[in-house]
Amino acid sequence: MHTYTKQNDVLLAQLREQQDQLHIARPITHIILFRDMTTIEAFQEKALAQGFAIADFIEDPAISEYTLAITRTDALADGHIHTVTQHLLHMCEQHEAQYNGWETEIVTAGDETEKP
């Protein structure tokens, strides 16, 4: 089992403890780390083509690190987050980047905005 699958499972368990409705799609932000600027543009183009939006970009040339936050609306149920993170891990490998996890807000039964 891949490290991020385990981390996903930990996050999903924490969300379940908060009565999160995992089947409801919501914005999920993924954090990607780069060591140089050369591959960021190509990664961004590929991410945008797959429905992600750029949420933030932080440049810290003093330590040669660049952080890209991308977001997309997805559900977390039925292993979907595992599929998404595995795909992003593969993209990171192709673009010399490091996947640094995801975050989202809790969606409870009172927040349901699920579309049919």
C-alpha atoms as a PDB file:
ATOM      1  CA  MET A   1       0.000   0.000   0.000  1.00  0.00           C
ATOM      2  CA  HIS A   2       1.395   3.386  -0.983  1.00  0.00           C
ATOM      3  CA  THR A   3       2.174   5.946   1.726  1.00  0.00           C
ATOM      4  CA  TYR A   4      -0.420   8.376   0.391  1.00  0.00           C
ATOM      5  CA  THR A   5      -3.114   5.703   0.409  1.00  0.00           C
ATOM      6  CA  LYS A   6      -2.424   5.279   4.136  1.00  0.00           C
ATOM      7  CA  GLN A   7      -2.434   9.044   4.659  1.00  0.00           C
ATOM      8  CA  ASN A   8      -5.684   9.306   2.691  1.00  0.00           C
ATOM      9  CA  ASP A   9      -7.204   6.632   4.930  1.00  0.00           C
ATOM     10  CA  VAL A  10      -6.155   8.561   8.053  1.00  0.00           C
ATOM     11  CA  LEU A  11      -7.697  11.780   6.716  1.00  0.00           C
ATOM     12  CA  LEU A  12     -10.866   9.969   5.638  1.00  0.00           C
ATOM     13  CA  ALA A  13     -11.188   8.416   9.117  1.00  0.00           C
ATOM     14  CA  GLN A  14     -10.834  11.879  10.687  1.00  0.00           C
ATOM     15  CA  LEU A  15     -13.533  13.229   8.369  1.00  0.00           C
ATOM     16  CA  ARG A  16     -15.846  10.304   9.211  1.00  0.00           C
ATOM     17  CA  GLU A  17     -15.351  11.025  12.923  1.00  0.00           C
ATOM     18  CA  GLN A  18     -16.684  14.517  12.184  1.00  0.00           C
ATOM     19  CA  GLN A  19     -19.742  13.004  10.455  1.00  0.00           C
ATOM     20  CA  ASP A  20     -18.500  14.154   7.049  1.00  0.00           C
ATOM     21  CA  GLN A  21     -20.627  13.175   4.066  1.00  0.00           C
ATOM     22  CA  LEU A  22     -17.810  11.764   1.916  1.00  0.00           C
ATOM     23  CA  HIS A  23     -20.110  11.195  -1.077  1.00  0.00           C
ATOM     24  CA  ILE A  24     -20.716  14.930  -1.471  1.00  0.00           C
ATOM     25  CA  ALA A  25     -18.373  16.643  -3.906  1.00  0.00           C
ATOM     26  CA  ARG A  26     -16.482  19.627  -2.514  1.00  0.00           C
ATOM     27  CA  PRO A  27     -13.328  21.607  -3.320  1.00  0.00           C
ATOM     28  CA  ILE A  28     -10.202  19.634  -2.489  1.00  0.00           C
ATOM     29  CA  THR A  29      -6.861  21.419  -2.488  1.00  0.00           C
ATOM     30  CA  HIS A  30      -3.695  19.480  -3.355  1.00  0.00           C
ATOM     31  CA  ILE A  31      -0.225  20.787  -2.530  1.00  0.00           C
ATOM     32  CA  ILE A  32       2.650  20.225  -4.974  1.00  0.00           C
ATOM     33  CA  LEU A  33       6.289  21.144  -4.246  1.00  0.00           C
ATOM     34  CA  PHE A  34       8.875  22.015  -6.889  1.00  0.00           C
ATOM     35  CA  ARG A  35      12.627  22.607  -6.567  1.00  0.00           C
ATOM     36  CA  ASP A  36      12.858  24.882  -9.609  1.00  0.00           C
ATOM     37  CA  MET A  37      10.627  26.831 -11.942  1.00  0.00           C
ATOM     38  CA  THR A  38      11.413  24.848 -15.077  1.00  0.00           C
ATOM     39  CA  THR A  39       8.664  22.233 -14.747  1.00  0.00           C
ATOM     40  CA  ILE A  40       5.933  24.206 -13.000  1.00  0.00           C
ATOM     41  CA  GLU A  41       4.390  25.637 -16.163  1.00  0.00           C
ATOM     42  CA  ALA A  42       4.065  22.231 -17.838  1.00  0.00           C
ATOM     43  CA  PHE A  43       2.548  20.768 -14.661  1.00  0.00           C
ATOM     44  CA  GLN A  44       0.088  23.668 -14.420  1.00  0.00           C
ATOM     45  CA  GLU A  45      -1.020  23.237 -18.031  1.00  0.00           C
ATOM     46  CA  LYS A  46      -1.662  19.536 -17.515  1.00  0.00           C
ATOM     47  CA  ALA A  47      -3.516  20.156 -14.243  1.00  0.00           C
ATOM     48  CA  LEU A  48      -5.699  22.870 -15.797  1.00  0.00           C
ATOM     49  CA  ALA A  49      -6.562  20.553 -18.691  1.00  0.00           C
ATOM     50  CA  GLN A  50      -7.786  18.000 -16.127  1.00  0.00           C
ATOM     51  CA  GLY A  51     -10.163  20.384 -14.405  1.00  0.00           C
ATOM     52  CA  PHE A  52      -7.931  21.674 -11.630  1.00  0.00           C
ATOM     53  CA  ALA A  53      -7.682  25.374 -10.856  1.00  0.00           C
ATOM     54  CA  ILE A  54      -4.636  27.152  -9.472  1.00  0.00           C
ATOM     55  CA  ALA A  55      -5.468  28.089  -5.873  1.00  0.00           C
ATOM     56  CA  ASP A  56      -2.107  29.521  -4.806  1.00  0.00           C
ATOM     57  CA  PHE A  57       1.537  29.762  -5.734  1.00  0.00           C
ATOM     58  CA  ILE A  58       4.274  30.485  -3.211  1.00  0.00           C
ATOM     59  CA  GLU A  59       7.813  31.164  -4.342  1.00  0.00           C
ATOM     60  CA  ASP A  60      10.681  30.863  -1.867  1.00  0.00           C
ATOM     61  CA  PRO A  61      13.883  31.114  -3.912  1.00  0.00           C
ATOM     62  CA  ALA A  62      15.950  31.445  -0.728  1.00  0.00           C
ATOM     63  CA  ILE A  63      15.454  27.734  -0.132  1.00  0.00           C
ATOM     64  CA  SER A  64      14.819  26.823  -3.777  1.00  0.00           C
ATOM     65  CA  GLU A  65      11.277  25.695  -3.133  1.00  0.00           C
ATOM     66  CA  TYR A  66       8.077  26.554  -4.953  1.00  0.00           C
ATOM     67  CA  THR A  67       4.655  25.512  -3.715  1.00  0.00           C
ATOM     68  CA  LEU A  68       1.696  25.141  -6.031  1.00  0.00           C
ATOM     69  CA  ALA A  69      -1.792  24.601  -4.614  1.00  0.00           C
ATOM     70  CA  ILE A  70      -4.335  23.238  -7.073  1.00  0.00           C
ATOM     71  CA  THR A  71      -7.998  22.645  -6.385  1.00  0.00           C
ATOM     72  CA  ARG A  72     -10.826  20.701  -7.958  1.00  0.00           C
ATOM     73  CA  THR A  73     -14.285  19.677  -6.834  1.00  0.00           C
ATOM     74  CA  ASP A  74     -14.387  15.944  -6.141  1.00  0.00           C
ATOM     75  CA  ALA A  75     -16.132  13.490  -3.833  1.00  0.00           C
ATOM     76  CA  LEU A  76     -14.078  11.499  -1.348  1.00  0.00           C
ATOM     77  CA  ALA A  77     -16.160   8.315  -1.201  1.00  0.00           C
ATOM     78  CA  ASP A  78     -15.572   4.972  -2.889  1.00  0.00           C
ATOM     79  CA  GLY A  79     -11.809   5.374  -3.085  1.00  0.00           C
ATOM     80  CA  HIS A  80     -12.021   8.318  -5.474  1.00  0.00           C
ATOM     81  CA  ILE A  81      -9.452  10.318  -3.506  1.00  0.00           C
ATOM     82  CA  HIS A  82      -7.015   7.410  -3.895  1.00  0.00           C
ATOM     83  CA  THR A  83      -7.423   7.568  -7.666  1.00  0.00           C
ATOM     84  CA  VAL A  84      -6.909  11.335  -7.695  1.00  0.00           C
ATOM     85  CA  THR A  85      -3.808  11.264  -5.486  1.00  0.00           C
ATOM     86  CA  GLN A  86      -2.273   8.381  -7.430  1.00  0.00           C
ATOM     87  CA  HIS A  87      -2.784  10.321 -10.651  1.00  0.00           C
ATOM     88  CA  LEU A  88      -1.221  13.453  -9.138  1.00  0.00           C
ATOM     89  CA  LEU A  89       1.704  11.407  -7.813  1.00  0.00           C
ATOM     90  CA  HIS A  90       2.297  10.156 -11.362  1.00  0.00           C
ATOM     91  CA  MET A  91       2.134  13.725 -12.692  1.00  0.00           C
ATOM     92  CA  CYS A  92       4.621  14.798 -10.027  1.00  0.00           C
ATOM     93  CA  GLU A  93       7.039  12.072 -11.098  1.00  0.00           C
ATOM     94  CA  GLN A  94       6.786  13.271 -14.694  1.00  0.00           C
ATOM     95  CA  HIS A  95       7.481  16.891 -13.697  1.00  0.00           C
ATOM     96  CA  GLU A  96      10.137  16.428 -10.989  1.00  0.00           C
ATOM     97  CA  ALA A  97       7.762  17.569  -8.271  1.00  0.00           C
ATOM     98  CA  GLN A  98       6.713  16.238  -4.887  1.00  0.00           C
ATOM     99  CA  TYR A  99       3.102  15.634  -3.873  1.00  0.00           C
ATOM    100  CA  ASN A 100       2.552  17.018  -0.377  1.00  0.00           C
ATOM    101  CA  GLY A 101      -1.030  15.973   0.385  1.00  0.00           C
ATOM    102  CA  TRP A 102      -4.538  17.380   0.257  1.00  0.00           C
ATOM    103  CA  GLU A 103      -7.000  19.249   2.399  1.00  0.00           C
ATOM    104  CA  THR A 104     -10.697  20.004   2.353  1.00  0.00           C
ATOM    105  CA  GLU A 105     -13.490  21.301   4.530  1.00  0.00           C
ATOM    106  CA  ILE A 106     -15.863  19.067   6.442  1.00  0.00           C
ATOM    107  CA  VAL A 107     -19.264  18.630   4.780  1.00  0.00           C
ATOM    108  CA  THR A 108     -21.977  17.404   7.150  1.00  0.00           C
ATOM    109  CA  ALA A 109     -25.586  16.367   6.515  1.00  0.00           C
ATOM    110  CA  GLY A 110     -26.784  19.938   7.103  1.00  0.00           C
ATOM    111  CA  ASP A 111     -24.382  21.198   4.439  1.00  0.00           C
ATOM    112  CA  GLU A 112     -25.570  18.838   1.703  1.00  0.00           C
ATOM    113  CA  THR A 113     -25.409  20.517  -1.643  1.00  0.00           C
ATOM    114  CA  GLU A 114     -25.203  17.341  -3.652  1.00  0.00           C
ATOM    115  CA  LYS A 115     -26.456  17.671  -7.195  1.00  0.00           C
ATOM    116  CA  PRO A 116     -28.538  14.870  -8.707  1.00  0.00           C
END
